[in-house]
Amino acid sequence: MTVKYKDNLTLDKNFQDKTFHQMALATMKIWLKFGSNENSCKILLSQLQLYSEYNSPYDMEYTDGYDTPELWWSTYRQPKNFIQKLALKLLAITSHQAACKRAFSILNWMTKKWKIRLDVNRLQSMVQIHLYYITNAKLKLKFSSSNLSEEKLETIL
C-alpha cells in the first residue's frame, strides 16, 4: 500500500510506519531530556501524528521565499503546543559547520586585519570569548541596553 502526500509524493506504508515509529521514539527521548514528563510526551506524540498526516492545525502550506521555518512554526497557536516548542528549540541550534566557519572567519579577521602574531592558545582563547559573547549577546545585553537609544548604545561601545 502506498500513501500519497501533497506535491504527488508517495511513500510505502510499511516504510512510513517504521520511520515514524523511530522518529517518534527519538523525539520522545529528546523531549524528556528537556525536562518534560510522561503526560506531555503523550500529547507530543498525538501532535506528531497530526503533523505527519497533514491534519489541522498543521495543514498550512509552507511558501518558499516568504516563510521561514521559525515563522511557519510560530503561527500555530494552541494550548500545550509541545511540537511547536520542540521544533523552535531544535531550529535554534546552530549547525556545527556554521559555527566552525564563523570561528575561522574570526581567526582570519584577527590575524590578517590586525596583523598580530599570537600563540595558538591565546588566539584560541580570544576566539572562544568572542564567539561566547556574540552567541549570548541578546541574553547578556537585553537588560543593559533596553533603555538606550541606538546612538547612545553606539557611543558606549
Protein backbone atom coordinates (compact mmCIF):
# COMPACT_ATOMS: atom_id res chain seq x y z
CA MET A 1 0.00 0.00 0.00
CA THR A 2 1.29 3.48 -0.82
CA VAL A 3 0.30 6.77 0.73
CA LYS A 4 0.01 9.88 -1.43
CA TYR A 5 1.12 13.19 0.05
CA LYS A 6 0.94 16.77 -1.13
CA ASP A 7 3.00 17.54 -4.23
CA ASN A 8 2.45 13.96 -5.51
CA LEU A 9 4.96 12.41 -3.10
CA THR A 10 4.30 8.78 -2.32
CA LEU A 11 5.75 6.53 0.36
CA ASP A 12 5.38 2.85 1.01
CA LYS A 13 3.06 2.44 4.03
CA ASN A 14 5.39 -0.07 5.76
CA PHE A 15 8.38 2.27 5.33
CA GLN A 16 6.33 5.20 6.60
CA ASP A 17 5.16 3.36 9.73
CA LYS A 18 8.67 2.12 10.57
CA THR A 19 10.23 5.53 10.03
CA PHE A 20 7.53 7.31 12.02
CA HIS A 21 8.00 4.90 14.91
CA GLN A 22 11.77 5.50 15.00
CA MET A 23 11.30 9.25 14.69
CA ALA A 24 8.67 9.29 17.46
CA LEU A 25 10.94 7.37 19.85
CA ALA A 26 13.84 9.73 19.16
CA THR A 27 11.54 12.72 19.65
CA MET A 28 10.30 11.40 22.99
CA LYS A 29 13.90 10.92 24.20
CA ILE A 30 14.78 14.49 23.23
CA TRP A 31 11.61 15.85 24.80
CA LEU A 32 12.30 14.04 28.09
CA LYS A 33 15.84 15.48 28.14
CA PHE A 34 14.26 18.94 28.11
CA GLY A 35 12.74 18.05 31.47
CA SER A 36 9.26 17.10 30.33
CA ASN A 37 7.01 14.49 31.89
CA GLU A 38 5.27 11.39 30.54
CA ASN A 39 1.93 13.17 30.07
CA SER A 40 3.47 15.86 27.87
CA CYS A 41 5.18 13.09 25.85
CA LYS A 42 1.80 11.56 25.11
CA ILE A 43 0.44 14.93 23.98
CA LEU A 44 3.54 15.48 21.83
CA LEU A 45 3.08 12.06 20.22
CA SER A 46 -0.51 12.88 19.27
CA GLN A 47 0.67 16.20 17.83
CA LEU A 48 3.34 14.36 15.80
CA GLN A 49 0.65 12.08 14.41
CA LEU A 50 -1.47 15.08 13.37
CA TYR A 51 1.58 16.71 11.78
CA SER A 52 2.62 13.57 9.89
CA GLU A 53 -0.85 13.26 8.34
CA TYR A 54 -1.11 16.99 7.48
CA ASN A 55 -4.15 17.30 9.75
CA SER A 56 -5.31 20.53 11.32
CA PRO A 57 -3.74 22.64 12.70
CA TYR A 58 -0.57 21.51 10.86
CA ASP A 59 -2.02 21.71 7.36
CA MET A 60 -0.90 25.21 6.39
CA GLU A 61 1.27 25.45 3.30
CA TYR A 62 4.93 26.49 3.53
CA THR A 63 5.79 29.13 0.92
CA ASP A 64 9.42 29.13 -0.23
CA GLY A 65 10.93 32.57 -0.40
CA TYR A 66 8.47 34.06 2.10
CA ASP A 67 8.22 31.68 5.03
CA THR A 68 11.00 30.65 7.34
CA PRO A 69 10.74 27.50 9.44
CA GLU A 70 10.63 29.65 12.59
CA LEU A 71 7.80 31.78 11.19
CA TRP A 72 5.86 28.73 9.98
CA TRP A 73 6.07 27.01 13.36
CA SER A 74 5.34 30.16 15.35
CA THR A 75 1.97 30.62 13.61
CA TYR A 76 0.48 27.56 15.33
CA ARG A 77 -1.21 28.72 18.49
CA GLN A 78 -2.91 26.12 20.59
CA PRO A 79 -2.76 25.09 24.23
CA LYS A 80 0.09 22.76 25.20
CA ASN A 81 1.72 23.10 21.78
CA PHE A 82 4.70 20.88 22.57
CA ILE A 83 5.56 20.09 18.95
CA GLN A 84 5.93 23.82 18.28
CA LYS A 85 8.15 24.30 21.33
CA LEU A 86 10.33 21.36 20.32
CA ALA A 87 10.60 22.49 16.69
CA LEU A 88 11.58 26.03 17.67
CA LYS A 89 14.18 24.72 20.14
CA LEU A 90 15.69 22.45 17.51
CA LEU A 91 15.69 25.21 14.90
CA ALA A 92 17.58 27.46 17.33
CA ILE A 93 20.55 25.08 17.35
CA THR A 94 23.35 26.33 15.15
CA SER A 95 24.80 23.65 12.95
CA HIS A 96 28.35 22.66 13.79
CA GLN A 97 29.71 23.56 10.37
CA ALA A 98 28.35 27.11 10.56
CA ALA A 99 29.97 27.68 13.94
CA CYS A 100 33.24 26.30 12.61
CA LYS A 101 33.16 28.59 9.57
CA ARG A 102 32.38 31.54 11.83
CA ALA A 103 35.34 30.70 14.07
CA PHE A 104 37.74 30.50 11.12
CA SER A 105 36.39 33.77 9.77
CA ILE A 106 37.08 35.43 13.12
CA LEU A 107 40.55 33.87 13.22
CA ASN A 108 41.26 35.24 9.76
CA TRP A 109 40.00 38.68 10.80
CA MET A 110 42.14 38.70 13.95
CA THR A 111 45.34 37.57 12.29
CA LYS A 112 45.13 39.38 8.94
CA LYS A 113 43.34 42.64 9.68
CA TRP A 114 45.03 43.34 12.98
CA LYS A 115 48.33 41.84 11.76
CA ILE A 116 49.02 40.41 15.17
CA ARG A 117 51.13 37.39 15.92
CA LEU A 118 49.76 35.46 18.88
CA ASP A 119 50.48 31.98 20.07
CA VAL A 120 47.80 29.40 19.29
CA ASN A 121 46.48 29.12 22.86
CA ARG A 122 45.94 32.86 23.25
CA LEU A 123 44.31 33.14 19.81
CA GLN A 124 42.03 30.20 20.60
CA SER A 125 41.01 31.83 23.89
CA MET A 126 40.25 35.12 22.16
CA VAL A 127 38.06 33.41 19.56
CA GLN A 128 36.21 31.42 22.23
CA ILE A 129 35.49 34.59 24.20
CA HIS A 130 34.39 36.40 21.05
CA LEU A 131 32.06 33.56 20.00
CA TYR A 132 30.60 33.29 23.51
CA TYR A 133 29.69 36.97 23.62
CA ILE A 134 28.36 37.02 20.05
CA THR A 135 26.24 33.92 20.68
CA ASN A 136 24.90 35.16 24.02
CA ALA A 137 24.65 38.87 23.20
CA LYS A 138 20.85 39.02 23.34
CA LEU A 139 20.75 37.13 26.60
CA LYS A 140 23.55 39.07 28.27
CA LEU A 141 22.78 42.55 26.93
CA LYS A 142 18.99 42.64 26.84
CA PHE A 143 18.60 44.45 30.17
CA SER A 144 21.56 46.78 29.90
CA SER A 145 20.59 48.20 26.52
CA SER A 146 16.80 48.18 26.80
CA ASN A 147 16.50 51.85 27.81
CA LEU A 148 19.18 53.17 25.47
CA SER A 149 18.71 54.60 22.01
CA GLU A 150 20.77 53.20 19.16
CA GLU A 151 23.04 56.27 19.11
CA LYS A 152 23.71 56.10 22.87
CA LEU A 153 24.49 52.39 22.60
CA GLU A 154 26.95 53.05 19.74
CA THR A 155 28.74 55.76 21.73
CA ILE A 156 29.04 53.43 24.72
CA LEU A 157 30.51 50.69 22.56
